[in-house]
Amino acid sequence: MSNLPLEVVDMLGQTIARVVPVTIALALVFSVLTYFWACNPGKPWWRKRELVTDLCYWFFVPLFARVFRIGLLVMAAGFFFKLHDADEVAAFFENGHGPLSTLPLAAQAILSLVAADFMLYWLHRMFHGGGFWKYHAIHHSSEDLDWISAARFHPVNLVLGTIGVDVVLLLAGISPNAMVWLAPFNIFHSAFVHANLSWTLGPFRYVLATPVFHRWHHTSPEEGGNTNFAGTFPIWDLLFGTFRMPEGQLPDNYGVDDQATFPNEIAGQLAYPFRRQASAPPA
């Protein structure tokens, strides 16, 4: 008899044990910061609309990502390297393979961070057009944009985005340990750029994505919704002509075009892309 149900329950328990303290820490940090440096004054994050929905994503996404990252890695490793179960895959990648595995772990982590951000920049632009927007619209549907909104992603967006990129990097020889090193930074920075903060970091705005930089991306297409696609390094937007940081202005008014009819709960949002009349991509 398969132990899959027990393994999923175990993963759920591990996910909750990891996510709860991280969530509490982020909540405390951003509650203090936004009290002094709010980008858009108003109600605090814990009184935002759809808070329950965002909390559901906050716990659902790590579990989904872990399960599907392992599943995709097993399938891809089986196809490319003739490995056929999770244990063989884990041993193979732990021992290293390919030229990238010979690099020092710190170098692998830096390479992984830069390469992932470059790939995700182009994937992000892809999700803003054609048939992909209906999946990415879920992420843009939060009107009260704040740090807790960072995990609001449709599973299709995750599989074709961060999960897929992680699998590519692992297949290329990046050690899982390098990704473990990066995990705290990635979690904090994702929450940071969605936080309700007026920070631009001055001249460092061109080096690292900031809350103001990313909040422009969550505005309407006319204001800046088709700019600032980089997740971590704005250099990609500077190089490819999609950078927007108007001097002396702060972004406001977030959401999607069909906000009035957009589902508020997680179940409706997960089903949204499969409705016959999903919203059109931003112009």
Protein backbone atom coordinates (compact mmCIF):
# COMPACT_ATOMS: atom_id res chain seq x y z
CA MET A 1 0.00 0.00 0.00
CA SER A 2 1.30 3.45 -0.89
CA ASN A 3 2.51 5.72 1.91
CA LEU A 4 1.69 8.83 -0.15
CA PRO A 5 -1.14 10.08 2.12
CA LEU A 6 1.11 9.78 5.17
CA GLU A 7 3.95 11.52 3.35
CA VAL A 8 1.66 14.40 2.35
CA VAL A 9 0.41 14.71 5.93
CA ASP A 10 4.03 14.72 7.12
CA MET A 11 4.92 17.42 4.59
CA LEU A 12 1.91 19.45 5.73
CA GLY A 13 3.06 19.22 9.34
CA GLN A 14 6.60 20.23 8.41
CA THR A 15 5.31 23.11 6.30
CA ILE A 16 3.12 24.46 9.10
CA ALA A 17 5.99 24.13 11.60
CA ARG A 18 8.23 26.19 9.31
CA VAL A 19 5.72 28.73 8.05
CA VAL A 20 4.12 29.73 11.37
CA PRO A 21 7.25 31.23 13.03
CA VAL A 22 8.30 32.88 9.74
CA THR A 23 4.84 34.40 9.34
CA ILE A 24 4.82 35.74 12.89
CA ALA A 25 8.29 37.25 12.45
CA LEU A 26 7.37 38.94 9.16
CA ALA A 27 4.10 40.20 10.64
CA LEU A 28 5.95 41.85 13.52
CA VAL A 29 8.68 43.37 11.34
CA PHE A 30 6.35 44.85 8.73
CA SER A 31 3.79 46.01 11.30
CA VAL A 32 6.50 48.19 12.86
CA LEU A 33 7.98 49.39 9.56
CA THR A 34 4.67 50.33 7.95
CA TYR A 35 3.64 52.24 11.08
CA PHE A 36 6.46 54.70 10.34
CA TRP A 37 6.95 54.44 6.55
CA ALA A 38 3.66 53.49 4.91
CA CYS A 39 3.47 54.01 1.16
CA ASN A 40 -0.33 54.16 1.15
CA PRO A 41 -1.72 55.22 4.55
CA GLY A 42 -4.89 53.44 5.62
CA LYS A 43 -5.89 50.32 7.45
CA PRO A 44 -3.09 47.99 8.60
CA TRP A 45 -2.44 44.65 6.89
CA TRP A 46 -4.36 42.66 9.51
CA ARG A 47 -7.55 44.53 8.57
CA LYS A 48 -7.09 44.20 4.82
CA ARG A 49 -9.75 42.73 2.59
CA GLU A 50 -9.26 39.04 1.77
CA LEU A 51 -6.84 38.51 4.66
CA VAL A 52 -8.11 34.94 5.10
CA THR A 53 -7.50 34.30 1.39
CA ASP A 54 -3.91 35.53 1.64
CA LEU A 55 -3.28 33.45 4.75
CA CYS A 56 -4.55 30.37 2.90
CA TYR A 57 -2.07 31.05 0.10
CA TRP A 58 0.69 31.67 2.65
CA PHE A 59 0.37 28.06 3.84
CA PHE A 60 -0.84 26.41 0.61
CA VAL A 61 1.94 27.67 -1.67
CA PRO A 62 4.94 26.24 0.28
CA LEU A 63 3.29 22.82 0.50
CA PHE A 64 2.29 22.84 -3.17
CA ALA A 65 5.73 24.07 -4.23
CA ARG A 66 7.52 21.39 -2.23
CA VAL A 67 5.38 18.54 -3.56
CA PHE A 68 5.54 19.64 -7.19
CA ARG A 69 9.23 20.58 -7.09
CA ILE A 70 10.03 17.05 -5.93
CA GLY A 71 7.63 15.53 -8.46
CA LEU A 72 8.98 17.51 -11.42
CA LEU A 73 12.56 16.84 -10.35
CA VAL A 74 11.96 13.09 -10.16
CA MET A 75 10.36 13.09 -13.62
CA ALA A 76 13.05 15.29 -15.18
CA ALA A 77 15.91 13.37 -13.54
CA GLY A 78 14.32 10.11 -14.64
CA PHE A 79 14.18 11.37 -18.22
CA PHE A 80 17.66 12.93 -18.40
CA PHE A 81 19.66 10.77 -15.98
CA LYS A 82 17.62 7.55 -15.79
CA LEU A 83 16.75 7.99 -12.11
CA HIS A 84 13.34 6.68 -11.14
CA ASP A 85 12.46 7.53 -7.54
CA ALA A 86 12.85 10.37 -5.07
CA ASP A 87 15.58 8.60 -3.05
CA GLU A 88 17.77 8.09 -6.13
CA VAL A 89 17.22 11.70 -7.15
CA ALA A 90 18.07 13.00 -3.66
CA ALA A 91 21.29 10.95 -3.53
CA PHE A 92 22.25 12.02 -7.06
CA PHE A 93 21.83 15.72 -6.41
CA GLU A 94 23.34 15.56 -2.92
CA ASN A 95 26.51 14.06 -4.39
CA GLY A 96 26.55 16.59 -7.19
CA HIS A 97 26.60 16.31 -10.94
CA GLY A 98 27.78 18.40 -13.85
CA PRO A 99 30.22 21.33 -13.96
CA LEU A 100 28.16 23.68 -11.76
CA SER A 101 28.32 21.23 -8.85
CA THR A 102 32.10 21.72 -8.65
CA LEU A 103 31.73 25.42 -7.78
CA PRO A 104 31.93 26.54 -4.14
CA LEU A 105 28.51 26.59 -2.50
CA ALA A 106 28.56 30.39 -2.16
CA ALA A 107 29.28 30.75 -5.89
CA GLN A 108 26.43 28.36 -6.68
CA ALA A 109 24.07 30.40 -4.52
CA ILE A 110 25.01 33.68 -6.25
CA LEU A 111 24.79 32.10 -9.70
CA SER A 112 21.44 30.57 -8.82
CA LEU A 113 20.05 33.89 -7.57
CA VAL A 114 21.11 35.81 -10.70
CA ALA A 115 20.15 33.10 -13.21
CA ALA A 116 16.77 32.50 -11.58
CA ASP A 117 15.97 36.21 -11.55
CA PHE A 118 16.89 36.55 -15.23
CA MET A 119 14.68 33.60 -16.23
CA LEU A 120 11.84 34.77 -14.01
CA TYR A 121 12.01 38.26 -15.54
CA TRP A 122 11.15 36.82 -18.96
CA LEU A 123 8.62 34.37 -17.57
CA HIS A 124 6.98 37.26 -15.72
CA ARG A 125 6.66 39.20 -18.98
CA MET A 126 5.21 36.08 -20.59
CA PHE A 127 2.53 35.89 -17.88
CA HIS A 128 1.46 39.43 -18.71
CA GLY A 129 0.32 38.47 -22.18
CA GLY A 130 -1.89 36.11 -24.12
CA GLY A 131 -3.40 33.11 -22.42
CA PHE A 132 -1.03 33.26 -19.45
CA TRP A 133 -2.43 36.44 -17.90
CA LYS A 134 -5.53 34.69 -16.53
CA TYR A 135 -3.24 32.70 -14.20
CA HIS A 136 -1.09 35.65 -13.19
CA ALA A 137 -4.14 37.87 -12.63
CA ILE A 138 -4.64 36.08 -9.31
CA HIS A 139 -1.40 37.61 -8.03
CA HIS A 140 -2.50 41.07 -9.17
CA SER A 141 -5.99 40.81 -7.70
CA SER A 142 -5.07 42.12 -4.24
CA GLU A 143 -6.40 45.67 -3.84
CA ASP A 144 -4.87 46.08 -0.37
CA LEU A 145 -1.35 45.18 -1.44
CA ASP A 146 0.88 44.28 1.49
CA TRP A 147 3.55 41.78 2.55
CA ILE A 148 0.95 39.06 3.14
CA SER A 149 -0.04 39.32 -0.55
CA ALA A 150 3.34 37.94 -1.66
CA ALA A 151 2.22 34.30 -1.78
CA ARG A 152 -0.95 34.84 -3.82
CA PHE A 153 -0.06 32.75 -6.89
CA HIS A 154 -2.04 30.31 -8.98
CA PRO A 155 -0.49 26.80 -9.13
CA VAL A 156 0.01 27.08 -12.91
CA ASN A 157 1.94 30.31 -12.35
CA LEU A 158 4.08 28.54 -9.76
CA VAL A 159 4.82 25.47 -11.89
CA LEU A 160 5.78 27.53 -14.95
CA GLY A 161 7.59 30.07 -12.80
CA THR A 162 9.60 29.55 -9.64
CA ILE A 163 9.17 25.78 -9.40
CA GLY A 164 10.13 25.22 -13.03
CA VAL A 165 13.14 27.52 -12.73
CA ASP A 166 14.32 25.72 -9.58
CA VAL A 167 14.10 22.37 -11.37
CA VAL A 168 16.11 23.72 -14.33
CA LEU A 169 18.84 25.01 -12.00
CA LEU A 170 18.97 21.73 -10.08
CA LEU A 171 19.28 19.79 -13.32
CA ALA A 172 22.10 22.14 -14.34
CA GLY A 173 24.06 21.14 -11.25
CA ILE A 174 23.12 23.73 -8.62
CA SER A 175 23.14 22.03 -5.23
CA PRO A 176 19.89 21.93 -3.22
CA ASN A 177 22.01 23.25 -0.33
CA ALA A 178 22.64 26.46 -2.27
CA MET A 179 18.88 26.95 -2.58
CA VAL A 180 18.50 26.29 1.14
CA TRP A 181 20.99 29.09 1.74
CA LEU A 182 18.93 31.45 -0.43
CA ALA A 183 15.53 30.53 1.01
CA PRO A 184 15.51 33.05 3.92
CA PHE A 185 16.53 35.90 1.61
CA ASN A 186 13.95 34.95 -1.02
CA ILE A 187 11.14 34.71 1.52
CA PHE A 188 11.99 38.00 3.20
CA HIS A 189 12.62 39.90 -0.02
CA SER A 190 9.37 38.71 -1.60
CA ALA A 191 7.45 39.95 1.44
CA PHE A 192 9.55 43.15 1.47
CA VAL A 193 8.77 44.22 -2.11
CA HIS A 194 5.04 43.70 -1.53
CA ALA A 195 5.06 45.51 1.82
CA ASN A 196 3.24 48.80 2.21
CA LEU A 197 6.47 50.79 2.46
CA SER A 198 7.55 54.03 0.80
CA TRP A 199 11.16 52.90 0.53
CA THR A 200 13.07 53.41 -2.71
CA LEU A 201 16.60 52.89 -1.25
CA GLY A 202 17.83 55.98 -3.09
CA PRO A 203 20.61 55.17 -5.60
CA PHE A 204 20.35 51.49 -4.66
CA ARG A 205 16.95 51.41 -6.40
CA TYR A 206 18.89 50.29 -9.49
CA VAL A 207 20.58 47.46 -7.59
CA LEU A 208 17.80 45.81 -5.59
CA ALA A 209 14.03 45.72 -6.10
CA THR A 210 12.23 47.83 -3.50
CA PRO A 211 8.62 48.14 -2.32
CA VAL A 212 7.96 51.26 -4.41
CA PHE A 213 9.56 49.64 -7.48
CA HIS A 214 7.35 46.56 -7.23
CA ARG A 215 4.20 48.36 -6.15
CA TRP A 216 4.28 50.30 -9.44
CA HIS A 217 4.08 46.90 -11.13
CA HIS A 218 0.82 46.18 -9.29
CA THR A 219 -0.89 49.36 -10.55
CA SER A 220 -2.99 49.56 -13.72
CA PRO A 221 -1.23 49.05 -17.09
CA GLU A 222 -1.58 52.79 -17.78
CA GLU A 223 0.24 53.68 -14.56
CA GLY A 224 2.97 51.04 -14.51
CA GLY A 225 1.48 47.56 -14.50
CA ASN A 226 3.50 46.59 -17.55
CA THR A 227 6.83 47.67 -16.07
CA ASN A 228 9.19 46.54 -13.28
CA PHE A 229 9.06 42.80 -14.00
CA ALA A 230 12.27 41.92 -12.16
CA GLY A 231 11.82 40.16 -8.85
CA THR A 232 15.21 40.95 -7.33
CA PHE A 233 17.51 42.89 -9.67
CA PRO A 234 16.08 45.95 -11.53
CA ILE A 235 19.02 45.74 -13.95
CA TRP A 236 16.87 43.53 -16.19
CA ASP A 237 14.22 46.24 -16.46
CA LEU A 238 16.88 48.85 -17.12
CA LEU A 239 18.46 46.73 -19.85
CA PHE A 240 15.21 45.82 -21.57
CA GLY A 241 13.33 49.11 -21.27
CA THR A 242 10.73 48.23 -18.66
CA PHE A 243 11.99 50.24 -15.67
CA ARG A 244 9.62 52.77 -14.06
CA MET A 245 10.25 54.83 -10.92
CA PRO A 246 8.69 58.32 -11.35
CA GLU A 247 10.53 60.89 -9.25
CA GLY A 248 8.49 62.22 -6.36
CA GLN A 249 5.50 59.90 -6.96
CA LEU A 250 4.20 56.92 -5.06
CA PRO A 251 2.06 54.13 -6.53
CA ASP A 252 -1.58 53.66 -5.49
CA ASN A 253 -4.75 51.83 -6.61
CA TYR A 254 -3.97 48.16 -7.10
CA GLY A 255 -5.97 45.27 -8.52
CA VAL A 256 -7.23 44.00 -11.89
CA ASP A 257 -9.66 45.38 -14.47
CA ASP A 258 -12.54 43.07 -13.53
CA GLN A 259 -12.03 43.60 -9.79
CA ALA A 260 -15.77 43.98 -9.13
CA THR A 261 -16.49 40.42 -10.28
CA PHE A 262 -13.16 38.84 -9.32
CA PRO A 263 -13.57 36.03 -6.74
CA ASN A 264 -12.45 36.88 -3.22
CA GLU A 265 -11.89 33.38 -1.80
CA ILE A 266 -9.04 31.04 -2.68
CA ALA A 267 -11.25 28.32 -4.22
CA GLY A 268 -12.84 30.79 -6.61
CA GLN A 269 -9.47 32.26 -7.52
CA LEU A 270 -7.97 28.85 -8.26
CA ALA A 271 -10.93 28.15 -10.57
CA TYR A 272 -10.88 31.63 -12.11
CA PRO A 273 -8.55 30.91 -15.09
CA PHE A 274 -10.84 28.10 -16.22
CA ARG A 275 -13.95 30.25 -16.39
CA ARG A 276 -15.07 31.08 -19.92
CA GLN A 277 -14.79 34.83 -19.37
CA ALA A 278 -11.46 35.34 -17.64
CA SER A 279 -10.10 38.87 -17.82
CA ALA A 280 -8.08 39.98 -20.81
CA PRO A 281 -4.34 40.59 -20.42
CA PRO A 282 -3.22 44.17 -19.67
CA ALA A 283 -2.77 46.29 -22.75
